[in-house]
Amino acid sequence: MDLVHELAQSHVAAFGTLLRDWTVASAEEELREHAGRCCIPTTLLAMDGDTWLGSVSLLQNDDERIRQYSPWLASLVVREQARGRGIGRALVARCIEEAKALHVPALYLYCEADLVAYYSALGWREWDMVMLGKLPVAVMAHDVAVPLANDAASAT
């Protein structure tokens, strides 16, 4: 199976209920536009050989209904069999590094309430609460100049 198609299926399965009219075909088209390095948009992959373990995207806009915040860390997905190994954290850290290289001062993400603690533990702060359709989501922010929580300790 084509890697982009497989990723698109995974992204739509994970986030399709939040984005009206988002299809596997439109997700594939977006992912194919993310081939550049150190640019917006881009999608970063964690790989084990030819198998993708997780992905995260750096986007200018993640949802038309909340364009007042930008840019976004978006679509963090870690395959179920790869969870619990720090892959999500590593992808978030790498996405922040990409944003830093682009001189982005702050990065945003949105998530459901059950993920706020995960991102807070990584140094993200709650910024806003918004409704995406009928779903309340937390908008979180991260100062790109500040390392991800616990990164300084792991570097020594």
C-alpha atoms as a PDB file:
ATOM      1  CA  MET A   1       0.000   0.000   0.000  1.00  0.00           C
ATOM      2  CA  ASP A   2       1.168   3.539  -0.795  1.00  0.00           C
ATOM      3  CA  LEU A   3       2.539   5.249   2.344  1.00  0.00           C
ATOM      4  CA  VAL A   4       0.677   8.508   1.661  1.00  0.00           C
ATOM      5  CA  HIS A   5      -2.601   6.638   1.175  1.00  0.00           C
ATOM      6  CA  GLU A   6      -2.055   4.680   4.395  1.00  0.00           C
ATOM      7  CA  LEU A   7      -1.282   7.878   6.332  1.00  0.00           C
ATOM      8  CA  ALA A   8      -4.310   9.618   4.850  1.00  0.00           C
ATOM      9  CA  GLN A   9      -6.565   6.754   5.929  1.00  0.00           C
ATOM     10  CA  SER A  10      -5.137   6.931   9.442  1.00  0.00           C
ATOM     11  CA  HIS A  11      -5.543  10.711   9.659  1.00  0.00           C
ATOM     12  CA  VAL A  12      -9.143  10.625   8.453  1.00  0.00           C
ATOM     13  CA  ALA A  13      -9.949   7.775  10.863  1.00  0.00           C
ATOM     14  CA  ALA A  14      -8.460   9.758  13.773  1.00  0.00           C
ATOM     15  CA  PHE A  15      -9.698  13.264  12.925  1.00  0.00           C
ATOM     16  CA  GLY A  16     -12.384  12.964  10.267  1.00  0.00           C
ATOM     17  CA  THR A  17     -15.233  13.631  12.682  1.00  0.00           C
ATOM     18  CA  LEU A  18     -13.769  17.070  13.458  1.00  0.00           C
ATOM     19  CA  LEU A  19     -13.345  18.198   9.864  1.00  0.00           C
ATOM     20  CA  ARG A  20     -16.447  18.435   7.738  1.00  0.00           C
ATOM     21  CA  ASP A  21     -16.178  16.875   4.302  1.00  0.00           C
ATOM     22  CA  TRP A  22     -12.595  15.647   4.836  1.00  0.00           C
ATOM     23  CA  THR A  23     -11.999  12.521   2.761  1.00  0.00           C
ATOM     24  CA  VAL A  24      -9.102  10.148   2.297  1.00  0.00           C
ATOM     25  CA  ALA A  25      -8.598  11.638  -1.174  1.00  0.00           C
ATOM     26  CA  SER A  26      -8.375  15.200   0.190  1.00  0.00           C
ATOM     27  CA  ALA A  27      -6.065  14.058   3.020  1.00  0.00           C
ATOM     28  CA  GLU A  28      -3.814  12.366   0.434  1.00  0.00           C
ATOM     29  CA  GLU A  29      -3.691  15.547  -1.641  1.00  0.00           C
ATOM     30  CA  GLU A  30      -2.718  17.590   1.440  1.00  0.00           C
ATOM     31  CA  LEU A  31      -0.042  15.097   2.500  1.00  0.00           C
ATOM     32  CA  ARG A  32       1.509  15.094  -0.975  1.00  0.00           C
ATOM     33  CA  GLU A  33       1.877  18.902  -0.647  1.00  0.00           C
ATOM     34  CA  HIS A  34       3.802  18.391   2.631  1.00  0.00           C
ATOM     35  CA  ALA A  35       6.904  16.911   1.052  1.00  0.00           C
ATOM     36  CA  GLY A  36       9.163  19.895   1.788  1.00  0.00           C
ATOM     37  CA  ARG A  37      11.579  20.063   4.709  1.00  0.00           C
ATOM     38  CA  CYS A  38      11.579  22.974   7.118  1.00  0.00           C
ATOM     39  CA  CYS A  39       8.566  24.693   5.623  1.00  0.00           C
ATOM     40  CA  ILE A  40       4.885  25.130   6.316  1.00  0.00           C
ATOM     41  CA  PRO A  41       3.061  22.909   5.542  1.00  0.00           C
ATOM     42  CA  THR A  42       5.061  19.803   6.298  1.00  0.00           C
ATOM     43  CA  THR A  43       4.392  16.377   7.775  1.00  0.00           C
ATOM     44  CA  LEU A  44       7.032  14.577   9.821  1.00  0.00           C
ATOM     45  CA  LEU A  45       7.175  10.799  10.156  1.00  0.00           C
ATOM     46  CA  ALA A  46       8.615   8.415  12.713  1.00  0.00           C
ATOM     47  CA  MET A  47       9.734   5.353  10.781  1.00  0.00           C
ATOM     48  CA  ASP A  48      10.964   1.860  11.571  1.00  0.00           C
ATOM     49  CA  GLY A  49      12.429   0.690   8.300  1.00  0.00           C
ATOM     50  CA  ASP A  50       9.600   0.928   5.757  1.00  0.00           C
ATOM     51  CA  THR A  51       6.885   1.088   8.428  1.00  0.00           C
ATOM     52  CA  TRP A  52       5.544   4.386   9.706  1.00  0.00           C
ATOM     53  CA  LEU A  53       5.060   4.519  13.476  1.00  0.00           C
ATOM     54  CA  GLY A  54       3.639   8.012  13.793  1.00  0.00           C
ATOM     55  CA  SER A  55       3.244  11.375  12.146  1.00  0.00           C
ATOM     56  CA  VAL A  56       2.647  15.025  12.959  1.00  0.00           C
ATOM     57  CA  SER A  57       2.027  18.034  10.739  1.00  0.00           C
ATOM     58  CA  LEU A  58       3.038  21.672  10.891  1.00  0.00           C
ATOM     59  CA  LEU A  59       0.275  23.704   9.234  1.00  0.00           C
ATOM     60  CA  GLN A  60      -0.520  27.358   8.672  1.00  0.00           C
ATOM     61  CA  ASN A  61      -4.207  26.722   9.422  1.00  0.00           C
ATOM     62  CA  ASP A  62      -5.703  23.573  10.897  1.00  0.00           C
ATOM     63  CA  ASP A  63      -9.396  24.461  10.767  1.00  0.00           C
ATOM     64  CA  GLU A  64     -11.184  27.269   8.942  1.00  0.00           C
ATOM     65  CA  ARG A  65     -13.305  27.935  12.044  1.00  0.00           C
ATOM     66  CA  ILE A  66     -10.280  28.935  14.174  1.00  0.00           C
ATOM     67  CA  ARG A  67      -8.030  30.864  11.817  1.00  0.00           C
ATOM     68  CA  GLN A  68      -7.169  33.449  14.481  1.00  0.00           C
ATOM     69  CA  TYR A  69      -4.367  31.173  15.715  1.00  0.00           C
ATOM     70  CA  SER A  70      -1.446  30.137  13.558  1.00  0.00           C
ATOM     71  CA  PRO A  71       0.628  28.095  12.847  1.00  0.00           C
ATOM     72  CA  TRP A  72      -0.489  24.707  14.134  1.00  0.00           C
ATOM     73  CA  LEU A  73       0.964  21.450  15.326  1.00  0.00           C
ATOM     74  CA  ALA A  74      -1.672  19.145  13.876  1.00  0.00           C
ATOM     75  CA  SER A  75      -2.669  15.568  13.264  1.00  0.00           C
ATOM     76  CA  LEU A  76      -0.407  13.846  15.773  1.00  0.00           C
ATOM     77  CA  VAL A  77      -0.990  10.151  15.197  1.00  0.00           C
ATOM     78  CA  VAL A  78       0.940   7.228  16.670  1.00  0.00           C
ATOM     79  CA  ARG A  79       0.007   3.730  15.577  1.00  0.00           C
ATOM     80  CA  GLU A  80      -1.492   1.707  18.386  1.00  0.00           C
ATOM     81  CA  GLN A  81       1.314  -0.884  18.344  1.00  0.00           C
ATOM     82  CA  ALA A  82       3.921   1.902  18.703  1.00  0.00           C
ATOM     83  CA  ARG A  83       2.336   3.764  21.618  1.00  0.00           C
ATOM     84  CA  GLY A  84       4.023   4.094  24.985  1.00  0.00           C
ATOM     85  CA  ARG A  85       7.514   4.366  23.466  1.00  0.00           C
ATOM     86  CA  GLY A  86       7.865   8.165  23.418  1.00  0.00           C
ATOM     87  CA  ILE A  87       7.169   8.478  19.697  1.00  0.00           C
ATOM     88  CA  GLY A  88       4.413  11.075  20.142  1.00  0.00           C
ATOM     89  CA  ARG A  89       6.636  13.161  22.404  1.00  0.00           C
ATOM     90  CA  ALA A  90       9.528  12.908  19.919  1.00  0.00           C
ATOM     91  CA  LEU A  91       7.287  13.969  17.029  1.00  0.00           C
ATOM     92  CA  VAL A  92       5.972  16.952  19.017  1.00  0.00           C
ATOM     93  CA  ALA A  93       9.546  17.970  19.887  1.00  0.00           C
ATOM     94  CA  ARG A  94      10.656  17.660  16.251  1.00  0.00           C
ATOM     95  CA  CYS A  95       7.685  19.723  15.061  1.00  0.00           C
ATOM     96  CA  ILE A  96       8.607  22.454  17.561  1.00  0.00           C
ATOM     97  CA  GLU A  97      12.200  22.372  16.261  1.00  0.00           C
ATOM     98  CA  GLU A  98      10.952  22.800  12.691  1.00  0.00           C
ATOM     99  CA  ALA A  99       8.846  25.788  13.807  1.00  0.00           C
ATOM    100  CA  LYS A 100      11.841  27.258  15.633  1.00  0.00           C
ATOM    101  CA  ALA A 101      13.991  26.964  12.500  1.00  0.00           C
ATOM    102  CA  LEU A 102      11.288  28.926  10.674  1.00  0.00           C
ATOM    103  CA  HIS A 103      11.388  31.651  13.366  1.00  0.00           C
ATOM    104  CA  VAL A 104       7.835  30.919  14.481  1.00  0.00           C
ATOM    105  CA  PRO A 105       7.315  32.531  17.923  1.00  0.00           C
ATOM    106  CA  ALA A 106       4.406  30.349  19.072  1.00  0.00           C
ATOM    107  CA  LEU A 107       2.733  27.163  17.943  1.00  0.00           C
ATOM    108  CA  TYR A 108      -0.878  26.123  18.570  1.00  0.00           C
ATOM    109  CA  LEU A 109      -2.791  22.876  18.672  1.00  0.00           C
ATOM    110  CA  TYR A 110      -6.308  21.883  19.539  1.00  0.00           C
ATOM    111  CA  CYS A 111      -7.408  18.767  21.316  1.00  0.00           C
ATOM    112  CA  GLU A 112     -10.271  17.251  23.213  1.00  0.00           C
ATOM    113  CA  ALA A 113     -10.326  17.624  27.000  1.00  0.00           C
ATOM    114  CA  ASP A 114      -8.889  14.145  27.637  1.00  0.00           C
ATOM    115  CA  LEU A 115      -5.598  15.133  25.935  1.00  0.00           C
ATOM    116  CA  VAL A 116      -5.029  18.443  27.730  1.00  0.00           C
ATOM    117  CA  ALA A 117      -3.027  16.762  30.524  1.00  0.00           C
ATOM    118  CA  TYR A 118      -0.757  15.013  27.985  1.00  0.00           C
ATOM    119  CA  TYR A 119       0.134  18.252  26.229  1.00  0.00           C
ATOM    120  CA  SER A 120       0.340  20.210  29.503  1.00  0.00           C
ATOM    121  CA  ALA A 121       2.965  17.715  30.710  1.00  0.00           C
ATOM    122  CA  LEU A 122       4.975  18.608  27.586  1.00  0.00           C
ATOM    123  CA  GLY A 123       4.880  22.311  28.445  1.00  0.00           C
ATOM    124  CA  TRP A 124       1.864  23.411  26.416  1.00  0.00           C
ATOM    125  CA  ARG A 125      -0.578  25.812  28.076  1.00  0.00           C
ATOM    126  CA  GLU A 126      -4.313  26.134  27.648  1.00  0.00           C
ATOM    127  CA  TRP A 127      -5.037  29.184  25.536  1.00  0.00           C
ATOM    128  CA  ASP A 128      -8.726  29.078  24.615  1.00  0.00           C
ATOM    129  CA  MET A 129     -11.808  26.863  24.509  1.00  0.00           C
ATOM    130  CA  VAL A 130     -13.728  26.774  21.235  1.00  0.00           C
ATOM    131  CA  MET A 131     -16.549  24.815  19.699  1.00  0.00           C
ATOM    132  CA  LEU A 132     -15.857  22.905  16.505  1.00  0.00           C
ATOM    133  CA  GLY A 133     -19.385  22.092  15.550  1.00  0.00           C
ATOM    134  CA  LYS A 134     -20.827  20.451  18.643  1.00  0.00           C
ATOM    135  CA  LEU A 135     -17.438  19.427  20.020  1.00  0.00           C
ATOM    136  CA  PRO A 136     -15.684  21.614  22.608  1.00  0.00           C
ATOM    137  CA  VAL A 137     -11.904  21.633  22.121  1.00  0.00           C
ATOM    138  CA  ALA A 138      -9.035  23.218  23.986  1.00  0.00           C
ATOM    139  CA  VAL A 139      -6.672  25.413  21.988  1.00  0.00           C
ATOM    140  CA  MET A 140      -3.203  25.089  23.490  1.00  0.00           C
ATOM    141  CA  ALA A 141      -0.087  27.169  22.858  1.00  0.00           C
ATOM    142  CA  HIS A 142       3.655  26.590  23.144  1.00  0.00           C
ATOM    143  CA  ASP A 143       6.366  29.257  23.091  1.00  0.00           C
ATOM    144  CA  VAL A 144       8.686  27.822  20.444  1.00  0.00           C
ATOM    145  CA  ALA A 145      11.791  29.331  22.072  1.00  0.00           C
ATOM    146  CA  VAL A 146      11.123  27.283  25.230  1.00  0.00           C
ATOM    147  CA  PRO A 147      12.277  23.634  25.076  1.00  0.00           C
ATOM    148  CA  LEU A 148       9.690  20.904  25.506  1.00  0.00           C
ATOM    149  CA  ALA A 149       9.198  20.051  29.184  1.00  0.00           C
ATOM    150  CA  ASN A 150      12.024  17.828  30.512  1.00  0.00           C
ATOM    151  CA  ASP A 151      14.174  18.320  27.379  1.00  0.00           C
ATOM    152  CA  ALA A 152      16.820  20.245  29.312  1.00  0.00           C
ATOM    153  CA  ALA A 153      17.124  17.386  31.807  1.00  0.00           C
ATOM    154  CA  SER A 154      17.406  14.791  29.053  1.00  0.00           C
ATOM    155  CA  ALA A 155      20.134  16.778  27.282  1.00  0.00           C
ATOM    156  CA  THR A 156      22.527  16.567  30.225  1.00  0.00           C
END
